[in-house]
Amino acid sequence: MAKRPQSKTPTTPKSVLVHFEFVHPTAQHVCIAGTFNDWHCSATPMISLGDGRWAKELLLPPGTYEYRLVVDGEWVGDPKANETVTNPFGSHNMLLRVQPPA
């Protein structure tokens, strides 16, 4: 009897919980748009914590992502971002590097 080839299950990198925080004293609506959600400016709303504080947690697979914040319809940078990259619109996208879990 011939042996069947063993099927190998592809290993998928585990997602990592990424925490975003943003402060804007007059913001009414804040979202995160980036390569992880096809730049849909309303797909990932942040949660208001009160007093102008906003937060969001995302589960993202390891990789490098670009993103910006959308505050009341205006695209802005994240002041807490460590890295940026120039975008085609003459401004900067924030660069997020998600490392695999240890």
PDB file of N, CA and C in Angstrom:
ATOM      1  N   MET A   1       0.839  -1.166   0.000  1.00  0.00           N
ATOM      2  CA  MET A   1       0.000   0.000   0.000  1.00  0.00           C
ATOM      3  C   MET A   1       0.893   1.242   0.000  1.00  0.00           C
ATOM      4  N   ALA A   2       0.571   2.173  -0.867  1.00  0.00           N
ATOM      5  CA  ALA A   2       1.359   3.404  -0.969  1.00  0.00           C
ATOM      6  C   ALA A   2       1.001   4.357   0.164  1.00  0.00           C
ATOM      7  N   LYS A   3       2.014   5.052   0.620  1.00  0.00           N
ATOM      8  CA  LYS A   3       1.772   6.028   1.677  1.00  0.00           C
ATOM      9  C   LYS A   3       1.163   7.283   1.084  1.00  0.00           C
ATOM     10  N   ARG A   4       0.232   7.813   1.797  1.00  0.00           N
ATOM     11  CA  ARG A   4      -0.358   9.085   1.387  1.00  0.00           C
ATOM     12  C   ARG A   4       0.576  10.212   1.802  1.00  0.00           C
ATOM     13  N   PRO A   5       0.699  11.211   0.955  1.00  0.00           N
ATOM     14  CA  PRO A   5       1.509  12.358   1.377  1.00  0.00           C
ATOM     15  C   PRO A   5       0.815  13.053   2.552  1.00  0.00           C
ATOM     16  N   GLN A   6       1.605  13.423   3.524  1.00  0.00           N
ATOM     17  CA  GLN A   6       1.035  14.119   4.673  1.00  0.00           C
ATOM     18  C   GLN A   6       0.776  15.566   4.293  1.00  0.00           C
ATOM     19  N   SER A   7      -0.436  15.993   4.631  1.00  0.00           N
ATOM     20  CA  SER A   7      -0.742  17.399   4.347  1.00  0.00           C
ATOM     21  C   SER A   7      -0.142  18.260   5.441  1.00  0.00           C
ATOM     22  N   LYS A   8       0.495  19.299   5.016  1.00  0.00           N
ATOM     23  CA  LYS A   8       1.104  20.218   5.965  1.00  0.00           C
ATOM     24  C   LYS A   8       0.159  21.390   6.172  1.00  0.00           C
ATOM     25  N   THR A   9      -0.141  21.658   7.403  1.00  0.00           N
ATOM     26  CA  THR A   9      -0.968  22.796   7.721  1.00  0.00           C
ATOM     27  C   THR A   9      -0.087  24.029   7.729  1.00  0.00           C
ATOM     28  N   PRO A  10      -0.451  25.020   6.920  1.00  0.00           N
ATOM     29  CA  PRO A  10       0.383  26.219   6.906  1.00  0.00           C
ATOM     30  C   PRO A  10       0.314  26.909   8.272  1.00  0.00           C
ATOM     31  N   THR A  11       1.450  27.382   8.692  1.00  0.00           N
ATOM     32  CA  THR A  11       1.463  28.098   9.962  1.00  0.00           C
ATOM     33  C   THR A  11       1.176  29.565   9.697  1.00  0.00           C
ATOM     34  N   THR A  12       0.189  30.057  10.398  1.00  0.00           N
ATOM     35  CA  THR A  12      -0.189  31.454  10.262  1.00  0.00           C
ATOM     36  C   THR A  12       0.364  32.206  11.455  1.00  0.00           C
ATOM     37  N   PRO A  13       1.042  33.328  11.216  1.00  0.00           N
ATOM     38  CA  PRO A  13       1.559  34.077  12.355  1.00  0.00           C
ATOM     39  C   PRO A  13       0.412  34.523  13.251  1.00  0.00           C
ATOM     40  N   LYS A  14       0.622  34.426  14.541  1.00  0.00           N
ATOM     41  CA  LYS A  14      -0.405  34.836  15.485  1.00  0.00           C
ATOM     42  C   LYS A  14      -0.518  36.354  15.492  1.00  0.00           C
ATOM     43  N   SER A  15      -1.748  36.793  15.611  1.00  0.00           N
ATOM     44  CA  SER A  15      -1.992  38.231  15.665  1.00  0.00           C
ATOM     45  C   SER A  15      -1.564  38.781  17.016  1.00  0.00           C
ATOM     46  N   VAL A  16      -1.270  40.060  17.016  1.00  0.00           N
ATOM     47  CA  VAL A  16      -0.785  40.761  18.203  1.00  0.00           C
ATOM     48  C   VAL A  16      -1.783  41.870  18.526  1.00  0.00           C
ATOM     49  N   LEU A  17      -2.093  42.042  19.793  1.00  0.00           N
ATOM     50  CA  LEU A  17      -2.976  43.118  20.216  1.00  0.00           C
ATOM     51  C   LEU A  17      -2.186  44.428  20.232  1.00  0.00           C
ATOM     52  N   VAL A  18      -2.645  45.391  19.429  1.00  0.00           N
ATOM     53  CA  VAL A  18      -1.977  46.695  19.314  1.00  0.00           C
ATOM     54  C   VAL A  18      -2.910  47.743  19.911  1.00  0.00           C
ATOM     55  N   HIS A  19      -2.388  48.546  20.817  1.00  0.00           N
ATOM     56  CA  HIS A  19      -3.178  49.565  21.502  1.00  0.00           C
ATOM     57  C   HIS A  19      -2.838  50.951  20.954  1.00  0.00           C
ATOM     58  N   PHE A  20      -3.866  51.687  20.552  1.00  0.00           N
ATOM     59  CA  PHE A  20      -3.720  53.056  20.068  1.00  0.00           C
ATOM     60  C   PHE A  20      -4.385  53.991  21.078  1.00  0.00           C
ATOM     61  N   GLU A  21      -3.754  55.120  21.337  1.00  0.00           N
ATOM     62  CA  GLU A  21      -4.350  56.170  22.157  1.00  0.00           C
ATOM     63  C   GLU A  21      -4.099  57.505  21.480  1.00  0.00           C
ATOM     64  N   PHE A  22      -5.057  58.405  21.634  1.00  0.00           N
ATOM     65  CA  PHE A  22      -4.973  59.710  20.995  1.00  0.00           C
ATOM     66  C   PHE A  22      -5.709  60.712  21.871  1.00  0.00           C
ATOM     67  N   VAL A  23      -5.192  61.918  21.954  1.00  0.00           N
ATOM     68  CA  VAL A  23      -5.845  62.973  22.731  1.00  0.00           C
ATOM     69  C   VAL A  23      -6.107  64.160  21.814  1.00  0.00           C
ATOM     70  N   HIS A  24      -7.348  64.586  21.800  1.00  0.00           N
ATOM     71  CA  HIS A  24      -7.751  65.774  21.039  1.00  0.00           C
ATOM     72  C   HIS A  24      -8.932  66.382  21.794  1.00  0.00           C
ATOM     73  N   PRO A  25      -8.736  67.527  22.429  1.00  0.00           N
ATOM     74  CA  PRO A  25      -9.751  68.050  23.346  1.00  0.00           C
ATOM     75  C   PRO A  25     -11.111  68.358  22.734  1.00  0.00           C
ATOM     76  N   THR A  26     -11.182  68.616  21.428  1.00  0.00           N
ATOM     77  CA  THR A  26     -12.473  68.985  20.833  1.00  0.00           C
ATOM     78  C   THR A  26     -13.007  67.959  19.839  1.00  0.00           C
ATOM     79  N   ALA A  27     -12.336  66.840  19.668  1.00  0.00           N
ATOM     80  CA  ALA A  27     -12.762  65.843  18.671  1.00  0.00           C
ATOM     81  C   ALA A  27     -14.123  65.252  19.033  1.00  0.00           C
ATOM     82  N   GLN A  28     -14.933  65.075  18.008  1.00  0.00           N
ATOM     83  CA  GLN A  28     -16.239  64.437  18.170  1.00  0.00           C
ATOM     84  C   GLN A  28     -16.239  63.003  17.649  1.00  0.00           C
ATOM     85  N   HIS A  29     -15.342  62.724  16.699  1.00  0.00           N
ATOM     86  CA  HIS A  29     -15.292  61.400  16.068  1.00  0.00           C
ATOM     87  C   HIS A  29     -13.868  61.154  15.580  1.00  0.00           C
ATOM     88  N   VAL A  30     -13.274  60.045  16.006  1.00  0.00           N
ATOM     89  CA  VAL A  30     -11.904  59.721  15.609  1.00  0.00           C
ATOM     90  C   VAL A  30     -11.873  58.279  15.098  1.00  0.00           C
ATOM     91  N   CYS A  31     -11.242  58.079  13.946  1.00  0.00           N
ATOM     92  CA  CYS A  31     -11.073  56.745  13.354  1.00  0.00           C
ATOM     93  C   CYS A  31      -9.604  56.540  12.994  1.00  0.00           C
ATOM     94  N   ILE A  32      -9.253  55.278  12.787  1.00  0.00           N
ATOM     95  CA  ILE A  32      -7.922  54.935  12.299  1.00  0.00           C
ATOM     96  C   ILE A  32      -8.095  54.351  10.906  1.00  0.00           C
ATOM     97  N   ALA A  33      -7.354  54.870   9.948  1.00  0.00           N
ATOM     98  CA  ALA A  33      -7.380  54.353   8.578  1.00  0.00           C
ATOM     99  C   ALA A  33      -5.960  53.979   8.195  1.00  0.00           C
ATOM    100  N   GLY A  34      -5.825  52.826   7.547  1.00  0.00           N
ATOM    101  CA  GLY A  34      -4.482  52.408   7.160  1.00  0.00           C
ATOM    102  C   GLY A  34      -4.488  51.208   6.250  1.00  0.00           C
ATOM    103  N   THR A  35      -3.307  50.693   6.023  1.00  0.00           N
ATOM    104  CA  THR A  35      -3.172  49.546   5.127  1.00  0.00           C
ATOM    105  C   THR A  35      -3.851  48.308   5.703  1.00  0.00           C
ATOM    106  N   PHE A  36      -4.078  48.268   7.012  1.00  0.00           N
ATOM    107  CA  PHE A  36      -4.734  47.114   7.641  1.00  0.00           C
ATOM    108  C   PHE A  36      -6.246  47.118   7.439  1.00  0.00           C
ATOM    109  N   ASN A  37      -6.827  48.241   6.997  1.00  0.00           N
ATOM    110  CA  ASN A  37      -8.268  48.263   6.701  1.00  0.00           C
ATOM    111  C   ASN A  37      -8.558  48.927   5.348  1.00  0.00           C
ATOM    112  N   ASP A  38      -7.595  48.836   4.440  1.00  0.00           N
ATOM    113  CA  ASP A  38      -7.719  49.386   3.080  1.00  0.00           C
ATOM    114  C   ASP A  38      -8.029  50.880   3.070  1.00  0.00           C
ATOM    115  N   TRP A  39      -7.529  51.585   4.061  1.00  0.00           N
ATOM    116  CA  TRP A  39      -7.667  53.042   4.161  1.00  0.00           C
ATOM    117  C   TRP A  39      -9.127  53.496   4.244  1.00  0.00           C
ATOM    118  N   HIS A  40     -10.007  52.663   4.751  1.00  0.00           N
ATOM    119  CA  HIS A  40     -11.409  53.062   4.939  1.00  0.00           C
ATOM    120  C   HIS A  40     -11.483  53.950   6.176  1.00  0.00           C
ATOM    121  N   CYS A  41     -11.794  55.212   5.954  1.00  0.00           N
ATOM    122  CA  CYS A  41     -11.678  56.190   7.041  1.00  0.00           C
ATOM    123  C   CYS A  41     -12.745  56.046   8.116  1.00  0.00           C
ATOM    124  N   SER A  42     -13.755  55.223   7.925  1.00  0.00           N
ATOM    125  CA  SER A  42     -14.750  55.044   8.981  1.00  0.00           C
ATOM    126  C   SER A  42     -14.847  53.598   9.455  1.00  0.00           C
ATOM    127  N   ALA A  43     -13.987  52.726   8.954  1.00  0.00           N
ATOM    128  CA  ALA A  43     -14.069  51.302   9.283  1.00  0.00           C
ATOM    129  C   ALA A  43     -13.585  50.966  10.690  1.00  0.00           C
ATOM    130  N   THR A  44     -12.713  51.796  11.251  1.00  0.00           N
ATOM    131  CA  THR A  44     -12.119  51.492  12.552  1.00  0.00           C
ATOM    132  C   THR A  44     -12.242  52.699  13.472  1.00  0.00           C
ATOM    133  N   PRO A  45     -13.447  52.899  14.035  1.00  0.00           N
ATOM    134  CA  PRO A  45     -13.619  54.035  14.931  1.00  0.00           C
ATOM    135  C   PRO A  45     -12.918  53.801  16.269  1.00  0.00           C
ATOM    136  N   MET A  46     -12.380  54.869  16.809  1.00  0.00           N
ATOM    137  CA  MET A  46     -11.797  54.809  18.142  1.00  0.00           C
ATOM    138  C   MET A  46     -12.913  55.049  19.166  1.00  0.00           C
ATOM    139  N   ILE A  47     -12.682  54.636  20.390  1.00  0.00           N
ATOM    140  CA  ILE A  47     -13.671  54.760  21.452  1.00  0.00           C
ATOM    141  C   ILE A  47     -13.321  55.961  22.324  1.00  0.00           C
ATOM    142  N   SER A  48     -14.317  56.802  22.556  1.00  0.00           N
ATOM    143  CA  SER A  48     -14.103  57.970  23.401  1.00  0.00           C
ATOM    144  C   SER A  48     -14.023  57.525  24.857  1.00  0.00           C
ATOM    145  N   LEU A  49     -12.966  57.946  25.536  1.00  0.00           N
ATOM    146  CA  LEU A  49     -12.797  57.651  26.955  1.00  0.00           C
ATOM    147  C   LEU A  49     -13.189  58.862  27.813  1.00  0.00           C
ATOM    148  N   GLY A  50     -13.605  59.938  27.157  1.00  0.00           N
ATOM    149  CA  GLY A  50     -13.960  61.166  27.854  1.00  0.00           C
ATOM    150  C   GLY A  50     -12.768  62.095  27.967  1.00  0.00           C
ATOM    151  N   ASP A  51     -13.036  63.336  28.226  1.00  0.00           N
ATOM    152  CA  ASP A  51     -11.991  64.353  28.384  1.00  0.00           C
ATOM    153  C   ASP A  51     -11.049  64.432  27.180  1.00  0.00           C
ATOM    154  N   GLY A  52     -11.566  64.187  25.963  1.00  0.00           N
ATOM    155  CA  GLY A  52     -10.753  64.294  24.754  1.00  0.00           C
ATOM    156  C   GLY A  52      -9.829  63.120  24.507  1.00  0.00           C
ATOM    157  N   ARG A  53      -9.957  62.057  25.304  1.00  0.00           N
ATOM    158  CA  ARG A  53      -9.097  60.871  25.137  1.00  0.00           C
ATOM    159  C   ARG A  53      -9.826  59.814  24.306  1.00  0.00           C
ATOM    160  N   TRP A  54      -9.083  59.211  23.391  1.00  0.00           N
ATOM    161  CA  TRP A  54      -9.615  58.195  22.488  1.00  0.00           C
ATOM    162  C   TRP A  54      -8.703  56.982  22.508  1.00  0.00           C
ATOM    163  N   ALA A  55      -9.287  55.786  22.344  1.00  0.00           N
ATOM    164  CA  ALA A  55      -8.477  54.564  22.353  1.00  0.00           C
ATOM    165  C   ALA A  55      -9.090  53.523  21.423  1.00  0.00           C
ATOM    166  N   LYS A  56      -8.240  52.614  20.987  1.00  0.00           N
ATOM    167  CA  LYS A  56      -8.679  51.482  20.155  1.00  0.00           C
ATOM    168  C   LYS A  56      -7.632  50.388  20.256  1.00  0.00           C
ATOM    169  N   GLU A  57      -8.091  49.149  20.318  1.00  0.00           N
ATOM    170  CA  GLU A  57      -7.190  47.999  20.271  1.00  0.00           C
ATOM    171  C   GLU A  57      -7.530  47.182  19.040  1.00  0.00           C
ATOM    172  N   LEU A  58      -6.502  46.786  18.309  1.00  0.00           N
ATOM    173  CA  LEU A  58      -6.661  45.985  17.093  1.00  0.00           C
ATOM    174  C   LEU A  58      -5.807  44.734  17.197  1.00  0.00           C
ATOM    175  N   LEU A  59      -6.329  43.630  16.681  1.00  0.00           N
ATOM    176  CA  LEU A  59      -5.538  42.410  16.549  1.00  0.00           C
ATOM    177  C   LEU A  59      -4.962  42.403  15.139  1.00  0.00           C
ATOM    178  N   LEU A  60      -3.652  42.511  15.039  1.00  0.00           N
ATOM    179  CA  LEU A  60      -2.994  42.573  13.734  1.00  0.00           C
ATOM    180  C   LEU A  60      -1.939  41.484  13.614  1.00  0.00           C
ATOM    181  N   PRO A  61      -1.863  40.837  12.456  1.00  0.00           N
ATOM    182  CA  PRO A  61      -0.767  39.897  12.251  1.00  0.00           C
ATOM    183  C   PRO A  61       0.556  40.646  12.141  1.00  0.00           C
ATOM    184  N   PRO A  62       1.660  39.981  12.461  1.00  0.00           N
ATOM    185  CA  PRO A  62       2.966  40.639  12.332  1.00  0.00           C
ATOM    186  C   PRO A  62       3.157  41.209  10.925  1.00  0.00           C
ATOM    187  N   GLY A  63       3.758  42.367  10.861  1.00  0.00           N
ATOM    188  CA  GLY A  63       4.000  43.021   9.580  1.00  0.00           C
ATOM    189  C   GLY A  63       4.214  44.505   9.787  1.00  0.00           C
ATOM    190  N   THR A  64       4.354  45.218   8.687  1.00  0.00           N
ATOM    191  CA  THR A  64       4.543  46.665   8.710  1.00  0.00           C
ATOM    192  C   THR A  64       3.325  47.309   8.075  1.00  0.00           C
ATOM    193  N   TYR A  65       2.763  48.276   8.764  1.00  0.00           N
ATOM    194  CA  TYR A  65       1.542  48.938   8.331  1.00  0.00           C
ATOM    195  C   TYR A  65       1.736  50.449   8.308  1.00  0.00           C
ATOM    196  N   GLU A  66       1.011  51.105   7.410  1.00  0.00           N
ATOM    197  CA  GLU A  66       0.940  52.553   7.396  1.00  0.00           C
ATOM    198  C   GLU A  66      -0.464  52.939   7.838  1.00  0.00           C
ATOM    199  N   TYR A  67      -0.561  54.063   8.554  1.00  0.00           N
ATOM    200  CA  TYR A  67      -1.879  54.513   9.003  1.00  0.00           C
ATOM    201  C   TYR A  67      -1.876  56.013   9.268  1.00  0.00           C
ATOM    202  N   ARG A  68      -3.080  56.561   9.377  1.00  0.00           N
ATOM    203  CA  ARG A  68      -3.303  57.941   9.802  1.00  0.00           C
ATOM    204  C   ARG A  68      -4.580  57.949  10.628  1.00  0.00           C
ATOM    205  N   LEU A  69      -4.772  59.009  11.374  1.00  0.00           N
ATOM    206  CA  LEU A  69      -5.998  59.188  12.128  1.00  0.00           C
ATOM    207  C   LEU A  69      -6.914  60.121  11.349  1.00  0.00           C
ATOM    208  N   VAL A  70      -8.207  59.906  11.489  1.00  0.00           N
ATOM    209  CA  VAL A  70      -9.192  60.777  10.859  1.00  0.00           C
ATOM    210  C   VAL A  70     -10.015  61.387  11.990  1.00  0.00           C
ATOM    211  N   VAL A  71      -9.804  62.685  12.211  1.00  0.00           N
ATOM    212  CA  VAL A  71     -10.437  63.404  13.309  1.00  0.00           C
ATOM    213  C   VAL A  71     -11.481  64.349  12.734  1.00  0.00           C
ATOM    214  N   ASP A  72     -12.743  64.027  13.004  1.00  0.00           N
ATOM    215  CA  ASP A  72     -13.854  64.841  12.487  1.00  0.00           C
ATOM    216  C   ASP A  72     -13.704  65.101  10.991  1.00  0.00           C
ATOM    217  N   GLY A  73     -13.307  64.075  10.254  1.00  0.00           N
ATOM    218  CA  GLY A  73     -13.181  64.154   8.798  1.00  0.00           C
ATOM    219  C   GLY A  73     -11.843  64.649   8.288  1.00  0.00           C
ATOM    220  N   GLU A  74     -10.968  65.082   9.168  1.00  0.00           N
ATOM    221  CA  GLU A  74      -9.654  65.595   8.759  1.00  0.00           C
ATOM    222  C   GLU A  74      -8.575  64.548   9.043  1.00  0.00           C
ATOM    223  N   TRP A  75      -7.760  64.258   8.032  1.00  0.00           N
ATOM    224  CA  TRP A  75      -6.679  63.282   8.163  1.00  0.00           C
ATOM    225  C   TRP A  75      -5.514  63.932   8.902  1.00  0.00           C
ATOM    226  N   VAL A  76      -5.098  63.325  10.006  1.00  0.00           N
ATOM    227  CA  VAL A  76      -4.011  63.882  10.816  1.00  0.00           C
ATOM    228  C   VAL A  76      -3.025  62.773  11.177  1.00  0.00           C
ATOM    229  N   GLY A  77      -1.848  63.188  11.584  1.00  0.00           N
ATOM    230  CA  GLY A  77      -0.840  62.243  12.036  1.00  0.00           C
ATOM    231  C   GLY A  77      -1.072  61.857  13.489  1.00  0.00           C
ATOM    232  N   ASP A  78      -0.453  60.779  13.888  1.00  0.00           N
ATOM    233  CA  ASP A  78      -0.514  60.313  15.270  1.00  0.00           C
ATOM    234  C   ASP A  78       0.737  60.820  15.983  1.00  0.00           C
ATOM    235  N   PRO A  79       0.599  61.729  16.942  1.00  0.00           N
ATOM    236  CA  PRO A  79       1.784  62.263  17.607  1.00  0.00           C
ATOM    237  C   PRO A  79       2.566  61.226  18.404  1.00  0.00           C
ATOM    238  N   LYS A  80       1.965  60.075  18.682  1.00  0.00           N
ATOM    239  CA  LYS A  80       2.662  59.032  19.437  1.00  0.00           C
ATOM    240  C   LYS A  80       3.426  58.054  18.537  1.00  0.00           C
ATOM    241  N   ALA A  81       3.330  58.223  17.226  1.00  0.00           N
ATOM    242  CA  ALA A  81       4.013  57.308  16.299  1.00  0.00           C
ATOM    243  C   ALA A  81       5.520  57.524  16.367  1.00  0.00           C
ATOM    244  N   ASN A  82       6.255  56.426  16.338  1.00  0.00           N
ATOM    245  CA  ASN A  82       7.721  56.491  16.376  1.00  0.00           C
ATOM    246  C   ASN A  82       8.347  56.693  15.002  1.00  0.00           C
ATOM    247  N   GLU A  83       7.637  56.244  13.960  1.00  0.00           N
ATOM    248  CA  GLU A  83       8.185  56.320  12.603  1.00  0.00           C
ATOM    249  C   GLU A  83       7.122  56.852  11.650  1.00  0.00           C
ATOM    250  N   THR A  84       7.589  57.550  10.611  1.00  0.00           N
ATOM    251  CA  THR A  84       6.693  58.015   9.559  1.00  0.00           C
ATOM    252  C   THR A  84       7.317  57.725   8.199  1.00  0.00           C
ATOM    253  N   VAL A  85       6.485  57.793   7.188  1.00  0.00           N
ATOM    254  CA  VAL A  85       6.939  57.626   5.815  1.00  0.00           C
ATOM    255  C   VAL A  85       6.157  58.625   4.956  1.00  0.00           C
ATOM    256  N   THR A  86       6.812  59.216   3.975  1.00  0.00           N
ATOM    257  CA  THR A  86       6.147  60.177   3.090  1.00  0.00           C
ATOM    258  C   THR A  86       5.093  59.459   2.260  1.00  0.00           C
ATOM    259  N   ASN A  87       3.945  60.101   2.123  1.00  0.00           N
ATOM    260  CA  ASN A  87       2.892  59.523   1.289  1.00  0.00           C
ATOM    261  C   ASN A  87       2.744  60.316  -0.002  1.00  0.00           C
ATOM    262  N   PRO A  88       1.962  59.826  -0.967  1.00  0.00           N
ATOM    263  CA  PRO A  88       1.834  60.505  -2.261  1.00  0.00           C
ATOM    264  C   PRO A  88       1.116  61.850  -2.204  1.00  0.00           C
ATOM    265  N   PHE A  89       0.558  62.202  -1.033  1.00  0.00           N
ATOM    266  CA  PHE A  89      -0.209  63.437  -0.923  1.00  0.00           C
ATOM    267  C   PHE A  89       0.600  64.584  -0.315  1.00  0.00           C
ATOM    268  N   GLY A  90       1.898  64.363  -0.126  1.00  0.00           N
ATOM    269  CA  GLY A  90       2.763  65.410   0.387  1.00  0.00           C
ATOM    270  C   GLY A  90       2.803  65.520   1.897  1.00  0.00           C
ATOM    271  N   SER A  91       2.196  64.562   2.572  1.00  0.00           N
ATOM    272  CA  SER A  91       2.272  64.539   4.030  1.00  0.00           C
ATOM    273  C   SER A  91       2.904  63.210   4.453  1.00  0.00           C
ATOM    274  N   HIS A  92       2.718  62.841   5.696  1.00  0.00           N
ATOM    275  CA  HIS A  92       3.346  61.621   6.198  1.00  0.00           C
ATOM    276  C   HIS A  92       2.319  60.652   6.764  1.00  0.00           C
ATOM    277  N   ASN A  93       2.533  59.383   6.493  1.00  0.00           N
ATOM    278  CA  ASN A  93       1.781  58.316   7.142  1.00  0.00           C
ATOM    279  C   ASN A  93       2.598  57.827   8.321  1.00  0.00           C
ATOM    280  N   MET A  94       1.907  57.340   9.322  1.00  0.00           N
ATOM    281  CA  MET A  94       2.581  56.754  10.462  1.00  0.00           C
ATOM    282  C   MET A  94       2.946  55.316  10.088  1.00  0.00           C
ATOM    283  N   LEU A  95       4.079  54.859  10.566  1.00  0.00           N
ATOM    284  CA  LEU A  95       4.545  53.512  10.287  1.00  0.00           C
ATOM    285  C   LEU A  95       4.441  52.697  11.558  1.00  0.00           C
ATOM    286  N   LEU A  96       3.762  51.579  11.472  1.00  0.00           N
ATOM    287  CA  LEU A  96       3.572  50.684  12.614  1.00  0.00           C
ATOM    288  C   LEU A  96       4.191  49.340  12.283  1.00  0.00           C
ATOM    289  N   ARG A  97       5.145  48.913  13.093  1.00  0.00           N
ATOM    290  CA  ARG A  97       5.781  47.612  12.899  1.00  0.00           C
ATOM    291  C   ARG A  97       5.294  46.677  14.002  1.00  0.00           C
ATOM    292  N   VAL A  98       4.551  45.654  13.602  1.00  0.00           N
ATOM    293  CA  VAL A  98       4.019  44.674  14.544  1.00  0.00           C
ATOM    294  C   VAL A  98       4.956  43.463  14.530  1.00  0.00           C
ATOM    295  N   GLN A  99       5.563  43.203  15.668  1.00  0.00           N
ATOM    296  CA  GLN A  99       6.502  42.089  15.798  1.00  0.00           C
ATOM    297  C   GLN A  99       5.749  40.820  16.209  1.00  0.00           C
ATOM    298  N   PRO A 100       6.223  39.652  15.770  1.00  0.00           N
ATOM    299  CA  PRO A 100       5.583  38.414  16.202  1.00  0.00           C
ATOM    300  C   PRO A 100       5.696  38.255  17.714  1.00  0.00           C
ATOM    301  N   PRO A 101       4.703  37.597  18.326  1.00  0.00           N
ATOM    302  CA  PRO A 101       4.788  37.394  19.773  1.00  0.00           C
ATOM    303  C   PRO A 101       5.981  36.515  20.117  1.00  0.00           C
ATOM    304  N   ALA A 102       6.563  36.775  21.259  1.00  0.00           N
ATOM    305  CA  ALA A 102       7.749  36.013  21.690  1.00  0.00           C
ATOM    306  C   ALA A 102       7.365  34.636  22.190  1.00  0.00           C
TER     307      ALA A 102
END
